[in-house]
Amino acid sequence: MDFNISEILVRLQINDINEAFSTGSAWGSSPDVPIKTIISPVDGKKIASVKIATVGNYNNVVEQAAKAFVNWRTVPAPKRGEIVREIGNALRDKKEDLGKLVSYEMGKSLQEGYGEVQEMIDIADFAVGLSRQLYGLTMHSERPNHRMYEQYHPLGIVGVISAFNFPVAVWSWNAMLAWVCGDVCIWKPSEKTPLTAIACQHIAQEIFKKHHIDEGVSCLVIGDREIGELMANDTRVPLVSATGSTRMGKAVGAAVGARLGKSLLELGGNNAIIITENADLDMSLVGAVFGAVGTAGQRCTSTRRLIIHESVYDNFKQKLVNAYAQLRIGNPLDENNHIGPLIDHDAVKLYLAAIEKGKAEGAKFVVEGGKLEGGNYASGCYVKPCIAEVENHFSIVQHETFAPILYLIKYKTLDEAIALQNSVPQGLSSAIITNNLREAEQFLSAAGSDCGIANVNIGTSGAEIGGAFGGEKETGGGRESGSDAWKVYMRRQTNTINYSKTLPLAQGIKFDL
């Protein structure tokens, strides 16, 4: 394993103590502000320290972003796309270092760290093409010699609040699209994973500076909950995109809604795979296990529930038990390991509490969980993935626990399975494994899955950037990334042009002077 964190930090321009915010080429902070030490969950060692932004710092950033927007919105969209293309290429050049830092700071496997950086590269490529496809519509007017059409204009400042589990990818989904749409961005990363954000900010700013673009187009503010609350309540920020817990999303949505702003919410998931009697069980096993233990169960698309037909239930349960016995837990930078640590000690406490609550409600654990300690697990953040047989109505099953706990539920009919799948407050990702076309189509119908993502013969994790990503119900209803998600970053304007010599009114109204 070739890994030297000190060398990586130098190449990514990360210092021992990093400033709290960045606007343009100026990094700064107020004196005597709190300093947060960033500890890797991999080995419990300090990576670097970060100053926490003050209210004054935040306001300076917003003012700089507002000034940058005035000029950035006038740059032709294809030219904006060219700059985003170069940012994507710069990320390609830094992929190995940045992927390792993602893995070390957050704890996900090295392959997933590289994959997250690749996701940024992919969305940059998507945004470049989009920069020439910001289409409006034309329509026929009821009045003679009139033309009507719609066009889209940039909103202004887009605030991005991202979560620790995807410390850079979700920012890129927002920023790359917002930039080609003509918006500027202020990014508040998770205070648990700010170093990867600082690295990405350096990369983007170098490209903006090269093109003599006000680097206030890309702004960064490192702070705690207070900064997020400021952004949510700030009328200067017309759109706030927030990724995180349902609790957090409700607070952001309420604050933004109260000022009639726009919010894009990507919140919790409680995702299920239905495994039918017609499923390929070997293929099902791959999707179920990766979905449940990938990123140590800390994805919003992680598989939380397996809804299994009674005829294959015992057989598949045994396959799962055998597969879990082969999982390797340890340093995620060692590519031989499948699972790394949880993000911090608080996450471990929530995992252990969920297990105890499940047992109290009657959950039967067929693969026992627990905390791993000592030796390679000295950081105290490593846990065992576990499997429990449950009833779907158990309160712990209805709740999203960000940890590798997989619940097994038995069903008789597909109607019952779909009802179980939908009977949770969240509605992000879902899947069915079946070789029966009728079962697949029923699952995808209006009477099927109520989630924003519904897959057939793949798991709940691993969305591609080409499709719009998001979910319903307590997942928040937002859509990011591909398809026409770009429209949320713009304001729609309807235009009517009268090229006649008279001024007829609509609906045949007469108004003679």
Protein backbone atom coordinates (compact mmCIF):
# COMPACT_ATOMS: atom_id res chain seq x y z
CA MET A 1 0.00 0.00 0.00
CA ASP A 2 1.69 3.17 -1.28
CA PHE A 3 0.40 5.91 1.01
CA ASN A 4 2.12 8.95 2.46
CA ILE A 5 -0.43 11.42 3.78
CA SER A 6 2.13 14.20 4.29
CA GLU A 7 3.15 14.13 0.63
CA ILE A 8 -0.47 14.02 -0.51
CA LEU A 9 -1.38 17.05 1.61
CA VAL A 10 1.51 19.04 0.14
CA ARG A 11 0.51 18.19 -3.42
CA LEU A 12 -3.11 19.16 -2.67
CA GLN A 13 -2.01 22.45 -1.03
CA ILE A 14 -3.34 21.54 2.41
CA ASN A 15 -1.46 22.99 5.38
CA ASP A 16 -1.25 22.01 9.02
CA ILE A 17 -3.77 24.72 9.92
CA ASN A 18 -6.17 25.69 7.15
CA GLU A 19 -8.14 28.89 6.91
CA ALA A 20 -11.89 29.01 7.37
CA PHE A 21 -13.02 30.36 4.05
CA SER A 22 -11.97 31.17 0.53
CA THR A 23 -13.27 33.90 -1.78
CA GLY A 24 -11.34 34.44 -4.92
CA SER A 25 -7.66 33.88 -4.31
CA ALA A 26 -7.89 35.11 -0.73
CA TRP A 27 -8.04 32.61 2.10
CA GLY A 28 -8.73 34.01 5.48
CA SER A 29 -10.24 33.93 8.91
CA SER A 30 -10.70 36.13 11.91
CA PRO A 31 -8.09 35.92 14.67
CA ASP A 32 -8.81 33.80 17.72
CA VAL A 33 -11.46 31.67 16.02
CA PRO A 34 -12.04 28.03 17.04
CA ILE A 35 -9.76 25.48 15.46
CA LYS A 36 -11.08 22.02 14.66
CA THR A 37 -8.64 19.12 14.44
CA ILE A 38 -9.53 16.61 11.73
CA ILE A 39 -8.92 13.03 12.86
CA SER A 40 -8.90 10.13 10.42
CA PRO A 41 -11.33 7.35 11.38
CA VAL A 42 -8.90 4.96 9.70
CA ASP A 43 -6.15 5.13 12.36
CA GLY A 44 -7.25 7.85 14.80
CA LYS A 45 -4.40 10.14 13.78
CA LYS A 46 -4.57 13.87 13.15
CA ILE A 47 -4.58 14.84 9.47
CA ALA A 48 -4.67 18.64 9.78
CA SER A 49 -6.57 21.45 11.51
CA VAL A 50 -9.14 23.87 10.17
CA LYS A 51 -10.28 27.25 11.44
CA ILE A 52 -14.03 27.71 11.81
CA ALA A 53 -15.66 30.59 9.95
CA THR A 54 -17.38 33.40 11.80
CA VAL A 55 -20.56 35.24 10.84
CA GLY A 56 -18.39 38.04 9.51
CA ASN A 57 -16.40 35.59 7.39
CA TYR A 58 -19.62 34.22 5.95
CA ASN A 59 -20.93 37.67 5.04
CA ASN A 60 -17.66 38.54 3.31
CA VAL A 61 -17.96 35.40 1.21
CA VAL A 62 -21.54 36.19 0.19
CA GLU A 63 -20.58 39.72 -0.83
CA GLN A 64 -17.68 38.43 -2.93
CA ALA A 65 -19.87 35.80 -4.57
CA ALA A 66 -22.54 38.38 -5.41
CA LYS A 67 -19.93 40.59 -7.11
CA ALA A 68 -18.57 37.63 -9.08
CA PHE A 69 -22.05 36.71 -10.30
CA VAL A 70 -22.50 40.07 -12.03
CA ASN A 71 -19.79 39.21 -14.58
CA TRP A 72 -19.99 35.40 -14.59
CA ARG A 73 -23.63 35.40 -15.77
CA THR A 74 -22.61 37.35 -18.90
CA VAL A 75 -19.97 34.81 -19.98
CA PRO A 76 -21.50 32.71 -22.80
CA ALA A 77 -22.60 29.31 -21.53
CA PRO A 78 -20.29 27.33 -23.88
CA LYS A 79 -17.36 29.39 -22.57
CA ARG A 80 -18.41 28.57 -19.03
CA GLY A 81 -18.50 24.94 -20.13
CA GLU A 82 -14.94 25.17 -21.40
CA ILE A 83 -13.78 26.30 -17.96
CA VAL A 84 -15.64 23.42 -16.32
CA ARG A 85 -13.99 21.06 -18.82
CA GLU A 86 -10.59 22.24 -17.61
CA ILE A 87 -11.64 21.78 -13.99
CA GLY A 88 -12.60 18.19 -14.86
CA ASN A 89 -9.21 17.64 -16.46
CA ALA A 90 -7.47 19.07 -13.38
CA LEU A 91 -9.42 16.58 -11.26
CA ARG A 92 -8.20 13.82 -13.58
CA ASP A 93 -4.65 14.88 -12.90
CA LYS A 94 -5.25 14.81 -9.13
CA LYS A 95 -7.44 11.69 -9.05
CA GLU A 96 -5.02 9.42 -7.22
CA ASP A 97 -4.10 11.89 -4.49
CA LEU A 98 -7.64 13.16 -4.05
CA GLY A 99 -9.09 9.64 -4.00
CA LYS A 100 -6.66 8.62 -1.27
CA LEU A 101 -7.50 11.69 0.79
CA VAL A 102 -11.24 10.96 0.44
CA SER A 103 -10.61 7.44 1.68
CA TYR A 104 -8.38 8.50 4.56
CA GLU A 105 -10.47 11.44 5.75
CA MET A 106 -13.88 9.77 5.41
CA GLY A 107 -13.06 6.07 5.79
CA LYS A 108 -14.55 4.61 2.62
CA SER A 109 -12.61 2.02 0.64
CA LEU A 110 -9.89 3.24 -1.70
CA GLN A 111 -11.84 2.00 -4.72
CA GLU A 112 -14.82 4.03 -3.57
CA GLY A 113 -12.55 7.04 -2.98
CA TYR A 114 -11.29 6.83 -6.54
CA GLY A 115 -14.87 6.28 -7.69
CA GLU A 116 -16.02 9.45 -5.98
CA VAL A 117 -13.37 11.51 -7.77
CA GLN A 118 -14.35 9.83 -11.04
CA GLU A 119 -17.92 10.93 -10.35
CA MET A 120 -16.71 14.53 -10.23
CA ILE A 121 -14.90 14.05 -13.53
CA ASP A 122 -18.00 12.48 -15.09
CA ILE A 123 -20.34 15.29 -14.00
CA ALA A 124 -17.85 17.83 -15.34
CA ASP A 125 -18.01 16.08 -18.72
CA PHE A 126 -21.81 16.05 -18.53
CA ALA A 127 -21.87 19.76 -17.69
CA VAL A 128 -19.65 20.62 -20.66
CA GLY A 129 -22.20 19.10 -23.04
CA LEU A 130 -25.03 20.71 -21.11
CA SER A 131 -23.48 24.14 -21.62
CA ARG A 132 -24.64 23.97 -25.26
CA GLN A 133 -28.05 22.51 -24.42
CA LEU A 134 -29.72 24.93 -22.02
CA TYR A 135 -32.81 24.81 -24.18
CA GLY A 136 -36.02 26.78 -23.85
CA LEU A 137 -39.28 26.35 -25.76
CA THR A 138 -41.13 28.23 -28.46
CA MET A 139 -44.91 28.27 -28.68
CA HIS A 140 -47.65 29.76 -30.86
CA SER A 141 -49.41 32.89 -29.70
CA GLU A 142 -53.17 33.31 -30.05
CA ARG A 143 -52.50 36.87 -31.22
CA PRO A 144 -51.43 37.55 -34.81
CA ASN A 145 -47.87 38.65 -35.44
CA HIS A 146 -46.72 37.66 -31.98
CA ARG A 147 -44.02 35.21 -30.96
CA MET A 148 -43.77 33.47 -27.59
CA TYR A 149 -40.89 31.56 -26.11
CA GLU A 150 -39.32 30.51 -22.82
CA GLN A 151 -35.73 30.95 -21.78
CA TYR A 152 -33.70 30.18 -18.69
CA HIS A 153 -31.48 32.59 -16.75
CA PRO A 154 -29.10 31.93 -13.84
CA LEU A 155 -30.45 32.36 -10.33
CA GLY A 156 -27.40 33.92 -8.66
CA ILE A 157 -25.74 32.40 -5.60
CA VAL A 158 -26.24 28.68 -5.03
CA GLY A 159 -25.50 27.51 -1.50
CA VAL A 160 -24.31 23.90 -1.27
CA ILE A 161 -24.39 22.08 2.07
CA SER A 162 -22.80 18.65 1.66
CA ALA A 163 -22.52 15.61 3.93
CA PHE A 164 -19.51 13.62 5.10
CA ASN A 165 -20.33 10.37 3.31
CA PHE A 166 -19.73 11.83 -0.16
CA PRO A 167 -17.44 14.70 0.77
CA VAL A 168 -16.79 15.93 -2.78
CA ALA A 169 -19.06 14.19 -5.32
CA VAL A 170 -22.35 15.77 -4.25
CA TRP A 171 -20.75 19.23 -4.29
CA SER A 172 -19.67 18.60 -7.86
CA TRP A 173 -23.19 17.54 -8.91
CA ASN A 174 -24.33 20.99 -7.84
CA ALA A 175 -21.33 23.16 -8.67
CA MET A 176 -20.60 21.89 -12.19
CA LEU A 177 -24.21 22.34 -13.27
CA ALA A 178 -24.63 25.65 -11.46
CA TRP A 179 -21.48 27.03 -13.07
CA VAL A 180 -22.48 26.22 -16.65
CA CYS A 181 -25.92 27.67 -15.88
CA GLY A 182 -24.21 30.95 -14.93
CA ASP A 183 -24.56 30.72 -11.15
CA VAL A 184 -21.86 31.11 -8.51
CA CYS A 185 -21.47 28.69 -5.60
CA ILE A 186 -20.82 28.89 -1.88
CA TRP A 187 -19.93 25.48 -0.48
CA LYS A 188 -20.29 24.54 3.16
CA PRO A 189 -18.79 21.05 3.42
CA SER A 190 -19.36 18.76 6.37
CA GLU A 191 -17.25 19.88 9.31
CA LYS A 192 -16.25 16.20 9.57
CA THR A 193 -14.58 16.15 6.13
CA PRO A 194 -13.39 19.67 5.21
CA LEU A 195 -9.93 18.80 3.89
CA THR A 196 -11.12 17.22 0.66
CA ALA A 197 -13.23 20.34 0.12
CA ILE A 198 -10.19 22.57 0.54
CA ALA A 199 -8.32 20.46 -2.02
CA CYS A 200 -11.16 20.76 -4.55
CA GLN A 201 -11.41 24.49 -3.95
CA HIS A 202 -7.72 24.92 -4.74
CA ILE A 203 -8.12 22.92 -7.95
CA ALA A 204 -11.14 24.93 -9.15
CA GLN A 205 -9.66 28.29 -8.23
CA GLU A 206 -6.49 27.69 -10.18
CA ILE A 207 -8.55 27.21 -13.33
CA PHE A 208 -10.69 30.30 -12.72
CA LYS A 209 -7.57 32.37 -12.06
CA LYS A 210 -5.95 31.08 -15.25
CA HIS A 211 -8.91 32.43 -17.24
CA HIS A 212 -8.96 35.76 -15.37
CA ILE A 213 -12.39 34.91 -13.97
CA ASP A 214 -13.24 36.26 -10.53
CA GLU A 215 -12.56 33.22 -8.37
CA GLY A 216 -15.51 34.27 -6.22
CA VAL A 217 -17.47 32.10 -8.65
CA SER A 218 -16.30 29.24 -6.41
CA CYS A 219 -16.43 29.97 -2.68
CA LEU A 220 -15.84 27.80 0.37
CA VAL A 221 -16.94 28.34 3.97
CA ILE A 222 -15.92 25.86 6.65
CA GLY A 223 -18.19 26.04 9.62
CA ASP A 224 -20.60 24.29 11.88
CA ARG A 225 -24.39 24.29 12.08
CA GLU A 226 -24.48 28.08 12.52
CA ILE A 227 -23.12 28.65 9.01
CA GLY A 228 -25.73 26.32 7.53
CA GLU A 229 -28.48 28.19 9.36
CA LEU A 230 -27.16 31.52 8.10
CA MET A 231 -27.23 30.23 4.53
CA ALA A 232 -30.74 28.80 4.85
CA ASN A 233 -32.08 32.13 6.13
CA ASP A 234 -30.10 34.34 3.74
CA THR A 235 -32.26 36.08 1.12
CA ARG A 236 -29.10 36.72 -0.92
CA VAL A 237 -28.90 32.97 -1.60
CA PRO A 238 -31.87 32.11 -3.85
CA LEU A 239 -31.17 28.35 -3.90
CA VAL A 240 -29.87 26.16 -1.09
CA SER A 241 -28.97 22.57 -1.97
CA ALA A 242 -28.65 20.50 1.19
CA THR A 243 -27.65 16.88 1.62
CA GLY A 244 -27.94 15.18 4.99
CA SER A 245 -30.40 13.83 7.51
CA THR A 246 -34.16 14.26 7.27
CA ARG A 247 -34.05 16.28 10.49
CA MET A 248 -31.56 18.70 9.00
CA GLY A 249 -33.46 18.88 5.73
CA LYS A 250 -36.72 19.78 7.42
CA ALA A 251 -35.01 22.66 9.21
CA VAL A 252 -33.36 23.91 6.00
CA GLY A 253 -36.56 23.52 3.98
CA ALA A 254 -38.60 25.42 6.57
CA ALA A 255 -36.10 28.28 6.75
CA VAL A 256 -35.73 28.62 2.97
CA GLY A 257 -39.47 28.26 2.43
CA ALA A 258 -40.25 30.96 4.97
CA ARG A 259 -38.39 33.46 2.79
CA LEU A 260 -39.87 31.94 -0.41
CA GLY A 261 -36.47 30.74 -1.60
CA LYS A 262 -35.76 27.51 -3.44
CA SER A 263 -34.37 24.41 -1.77
CA LEU A 264 -33.02 21.21 -3.23
CA LEU A 265 -33.09 18.52 -0.55
CA GLU A 266 -31.35 15.14 -0.68
CA LEU A 267 -32.08 13.48 2.64
CA GLY A 268 -32.39 10.04 4.23
CA GLY A 269 -33.00 6.70 2.56
CA ASN A 270 -34.35 3.39 3.87
CA ASN A 271 -33.77 1.35 0.79
CA ALA A 272 -35.01 -2.15 0.07
CA ILE A 273 -34.29 -4.88 -2.46
CA ILE A 274 -37.14 -7.26 -3.24
CA ILE A 275 -35.79 -10.71 -4.05
CA THR A 276 -38.50 -12.71 -5.77
CA GLU A 277 -38.90 -16.44 -6.24
CA ASN A 278 -37.74 -15.84 -9.84
CA ALA A 279 -34.50 -14.10 -8.87
CA ASP A 280 -30.99 -15.17 -9.78
CA LEU A 281 -29.80 -15.67 -6.21
CA ASP A 282 -26.09 -15.47 -6.99
CA MET A 283 -26.55 -12.12 -8.71
CA SER A 284 -28.83 -11.00 -5.88
CA LEU A 285 -26.08 -11.75 -3.39
CA VAL A 286 -23.62 -9.33 -5.00
CA GLY A 287 -26.11 -6.47 -5.08
CA ALA A 288 -27.36 -7.09 -1.56
CA VAL A 289 -23.98 -7.41 0.12
CA PHE A 290 -22.34 -4.44 -1.61
CA GLY A 291 -25.44 -2.34 -1.02
CA ALA A 292 -25.44 -3.18 2.68
CA VAL A 293 -21.74 -2.92 3.54
CA GLY A 294 -20.34 -0.52 0.91
CA THR A 295 -19.05 2.66 2.59
CA ALA A 296 -19.75 0.78 5.85
CA GLY A 297 -23.47 1.35 5.32
CA GLN A 298 -23.03 5.13 5.25
CA ARG A 299 -24.62 5.82 1.87
CA CYS A 300 -28.04 7.38 1.54
CA THR A 301 -28.61 4.61 -1.04
CA SER A 302 -27.29 1.81 1.20
CA THR A 303 -29.45 -1.30 1.28
CA ARG A 304 -31.18 -1.39 4.68
CA ARG A 305 -33.84 -4.03 4.01
CA LEU A 306 -34.07 -7.26 2.02
CA ILE A 307 -37.64 -8.31 1.30
CA ILE A 308 -37.32 -11.98 0.32
CA HIS A 309 -39.92 -14.41 -1.03
CA GLU A 310 -40.70 -17.17 1.43
CA SER A 311 -39.76 -19.92 -1.05
CA VAL A 312 -36.14 -18.72 -1.31
CA TYR A 313 -35.82 -17.04 2.09
CA ASP A 314 -33.88 -19.73 3.98
CA ASN A 315 -31.60 -20.48 1.04
CA PHE A 316 -30.74 -16.83 0.49
CA LYS A 317 -30.31 -16.15 4.19
CA GLN A 318 -27.66 -18.87 4.33
CA LYS A 319 -25.90 -17.41 1.31
CA LEU A 320 -25.78 -14.05 3.10
CA VAL A 321 -24.39 -15.58 6.29
CA ASN A 322 -21.67 -17.33 4.29
CA ALA A 323 -20.82 -14.16 2.38
CA TYR A 324 -20.60 -12.03 5.54
CA ALA A 325 -18.16 -14.54 7.02
CA GLN A 326 -15.78 -13.72 4.16
CA LEU A 327 -15.88 -9.93 4.53
CA ARG A 328 -12.58 -8.28 5.41
CA ILE A 329 -12.73 -5.26 7.70
CA GLY A 330 -9.77 -2.94 8.08
CA ASN A 331 -7.79 -0.04 6.68
CA PRO A 332 -9.76 1.12 3.62
CA LEU A 333 -6.55 2.13 1.84
CA ASP A 334 -5.69 -1.58 1.68
CA GLU A 335 -7.57 -2.72 -1.42
CA ASN A 336 -7.83 -6.24 -0.02
CA ASN A 337 -10.33 -5.00 2.56
CA HIS A 338 -14.04 -4.67 1.83
CA ILE A 339 -15.08 -2.39 4.70
CA GLY A 340 -13.51 0.55 6.47
CA PRO A 341 -14.55 2.42 9.60
CA LEU A 342 -17.58 4.49 10.48
CA ILE A 343 -16.97 8.23 10.36
CA ASP A 344 -16.50 8.79 14.12
CA HIS A 345 -17.24 7.55 17.63
CA ASP A 346 -20.71 9.10 17.64
CA ALA A 347 -21.61 6.99 14.60
CA VAL A 348 -20.43 3.89 16.46
CA LYS A 349 -22.65 4.77 19.42
CA LEU A 350 -25.68 5.13 17.13
CA TYR A 351 -24.88 1.77 15.51
CA LEU A 352 -24.66 0.00 18.88
CA ALA A 353 -27.83 1.70 20.11
CA ALA A 354 -29.70 0.55 16.99
CA ILE A 355 -28.66 -3.05 17.61
CA GLU A 356 -29.88 -2.91 21.20
CA LYS A 357 -33.14 -1.29 20.19
CA GLY A 358 -33.65 -3.93 17.50
CA LYS A 359 -33.11 -6.72 20.01
CA ALA A 360 -35.57 -5.09 22.42
CA GLU A 361 -38.19 -5.01 19.66
CA GLY A 362 -37.67 -8.67 18.81
CA ALA A 363 -35.04 -8.65 16.07
CA LYS A 364 -33.22 -11.97 15.69
CA PHE A 365 -29.58 -11.45 14.67
CA VAL A 366 -28.32 -14.16 12.36
CA VAL A 367 -24.99 -12.35 11.98
CA GLU A 368 -24.02 -10.60 15.21
CA GLY A 369 -22.70 -7.07 15.22
CA GLY A 370 -20.39 -5.26 17.60
CA LYS A 371 -17.49 -2.88 17.89
CA LEU A 372 -14.00 -3.98 16.87
CA GLU A 373 -11.17 -2.87 19.16
CA GLY A 374 -7.40 -2.97 19.49
CA GLY A 375 -4.65 -3.51 16.94
CA ASN A 376 -5.71 -2.37 13.48
CA TYR A 377 -9.00 -1.11 14.94
CA ALA A 378 -7.42 1.25 17.46
CA SER A 379 -9.27 4.31 16.10
CA GLY A 380 -12.40 2.92 17.74
CA CYS A 381 -14.50 3.46 14.60
CA TYR A 382 -14.61 -0.08 13.21
CA VAL A 383 -17.73 -2.24 13.57
CA LYS A 384 -19.01 -5.59 12.35
CA PRO A 385 -21.65 -5.64 9.61
CA CYS A 386 -24.66 -7.53 10.96
CA ILE A 387 -27.90 -9.10 9.75
CA ALA A 388 -31.20 -9.30 11.63
CA GLU A 389 -34.55 -10.95 10.92
CA VAL A 390 -37.27 -8.41 11.68
CA GLU A 391 -40.79 -7.22 11.01
CA ASN A 392 -41.04 -4.17 8.77
CA HIS A 393 -43.10 -2.24 11.33
CA PHE A 394 -40.37 -2.32 14.01
CA SER A 395 -39.53 1.31 14.82
CA ILE A 396 -35.80 0.71 14.34
CA VAL A 397 -36.50 -0.64 10.85
CA GLN A 398 -38.51 2.46 9.98
CA HIS A 399 -35.54 4.60 10.99
CA GLU A 400 -32.38 5.11 8.91
CA THR A 401 -29.28 4.04 10.85
CA PHE A 402 -26.13 5.12 9.02
CA ALA A 403 -24.27 1.86 9.63
CA PRO A 404 -23.95 -1.66 8.17
CA ILE A 405 -27.12 -3.20 9.67
CA LEU A 406 -29.17 -5.27 7.22
CA TYR A 407 -32.77 -6.30 7.97
CA LEU A 408 -34.38 -9.43 6.50
CA ILE A 409 -38.14 -9.53 5.91
CA LYS A 410 -40.17 -12.43 4.46
CA TYR A 411 -43.10 -12.03 2.03
CA LYS A 412 -45.69 -14.18 0.21
CA THR A 413 -47.01 -12.11 -2.73
CA LEU A 414 -45.46 -9.34 -4.83
CA ASP A 415 -48.25 -6.96 -3.84
CA GLU A 416 -47.27 -7.56 -0.21
CA ALA A 417 -43.58 -7.04 -1.00
CA ILE A 418 -44.21 -3.72 -2.75
CA ALA A 419 -46.39 -2.58 0.15
CA LEU A 420 -43.60 -3.45 2.58
CA GLN A 421 -41.06 -1.67 0.39
CA ASN A 422 -43.19 1.49 0.38
CA SER A 423 -44.18 1.35 4.06
CA VAL A 424 -41.36 3.53 5.39
CA PRO A 425 -41.16 7.33 5.66
CA GLN A 426 -38.26 7.59 3.19
CA GLY A 427 -38.42 7.15 -0.58
CA LEU A 428 -34.97 7.28 -2.15
CA SER A 429 -33.80 4.05 -3.81
CA SER A 430 -35.35 0.65 -4.39
CA ALA A 431 -34.70 -2.48 -6.41
CA ILE A 432 -36.21 -5.79 -7.46
CA ILE A 433 -34.24 -8.87 -8.50
CA THR A 434 -36.28 -11.07 -10.83
CA ASN A 435 -36.16 -12.84 -14.18
CA ASN A 436 -39.91 -12.42 -14.54
CA LEU A 437 -40.84 -9.54 -16.84
CA ARG A 438 -44.29 -9.11 -15.30
CA GLU A 439 -42.82 -8.74 -11.81
CA ALA A 440 -40.33 -6.17 -13.07
CA GLU A 441 -42.97 -4.12 -14.86
CA GLN A 442 -45.33 -4.20 -11.87
CA PHE A 443 -42.51 -2.92 -9.66
CA LEU A 444 -41.84 -0.03 -12.08
CA SER A 445 -45.51 0.87 -12.58
CA ALA A 446 -47.44 3.67 -10.88
CA ALA A 447 -48.67 1.04 -8.41
CA GLY A 448 -45.12 -0.14 -7.74
CA SER A 449 -42.15 1.44 -5.98
CA ASP A 450 -42.78 4.93 -4.61
CA CYS A 451 -39.08 5.84 -4.64
CA GLY A 452 -37.24 8.32 -6.82
CA ILE A 453 -34.96 5.48 -7.98
CA ALA A 454 -36.32 2.05 -8.91
CA ASN A 455 -33.93 -0.56 -10.31
CA VAL A 456 -34.33 -4.01 -11.82
CA ASN A 457 -31.62 -6.64 -11.37
CA ILE A 458 -29.16 -4.23 -9.79
CA GLY A 459 -28.92 -3.03 -6.19
CA THR A 460 -29.94 0.22 -4.57
CA SER A 461 -26.45 1.79 -4.67
CA GLY A 462 -24.37 3.00 -7.59
CA ALA A 463 -26.42 5.65 -9.39
CA GLU A 464 -24.89 7.03 -12.59
CA ILE A 465 -24.61 10.77 -13.18
CA GLY A 466 -26.69 10.68 -16.39
CA GLY A 467 -29.97 10.22 -14.53
CA ALA A 468 -31.57 12.62 -12.09
CA PHE A 469 -30.75 11.55 -8.53
CA GLY A 470 -33.18 12.00 -5.66
CA GLY A 471 -36.17 10.65 -3.80
CA GLU A 472 -39.64 11.27 -2.49
CA LYS A 473 -41.36 11.61 0.91
CA GLU A 474 -38.85 12.29 3.70
CA THR A 475 -36.00 12.04 1.22
CA GLY A 476 -36.94 15.58 0.25
CA GLY A 477 -38.07 15.52 -3.38
CA GLY A 478 -34.91 17.10 -4.80
CA ARG A 479 -33.19 16.05 -8.02
CA GLU A 480 -29.49 16.50 -8.74
CA SER A 481 -26.97 15.44 -11.37
CA GLY A 482 -28.28 14.35 -14.78
CA SER A 483 -31.40 14.51 -16.94
CA ASP A 484 -33.06 17.94 -16.62
CA ALA A 485 -31.93 18.56 -13.04
CA TRP A 486 -30.14 21.66 -14.39
CA LYS A 487 -33.43 23.55 -14.46
CA VAL A 488 -33.51 23.93 -10.68
CA TYR A 489 -30.38 26.11 -10.91
CA MET A 490 -32.10 28.59 -13.24
CA ARG A 491 -35.14 30.84 -13.35
CA ARG A 492 -37.61 30.39 -16.18
CA GLN A 493 -38.79 33.42 -18.12
CA THR A 494 -41.67 33.55 -20.61
CA ASN A 495 -41.24 36.12 -23.39
CA THR A 496 -43.81 37.53 -25.82
CA ILE A 497 -42.73 39.68 -28.76
CA ASN A 498 -45.25 41.73 -30.72
CA TYR A 499 -43.93 42.55 -34.19
CA SER A 500 -47.23 43.96 -35.51
CA LYS A 501 -48.28 47.61 -35.74
CA THR A 502 -51.13 47.18 -33.26
CA LEU A 503 -51.44 46.00 -29.69
CA PRO A 504 -54.12 43.29 -29.50
CA LEU A 505 -54.92 41.95 -26.04
CA ALA A 506 -55.09 38.28 -25.07
CA GLN A 507 -58.39 36.43 -24.65
CA GLY A 508 -59.98 38.78 -27.21
CA ILE A 509 -60.30 41.63 -24.70
CA LYS A 510 -61.05 45.02 -26.26
CA PHE A 511 -59.63 48.21 -24.77
CA ASP A 512 -60.14 51.14 -27.10
CA LEU A 513 -58.84 54.62 -26.35
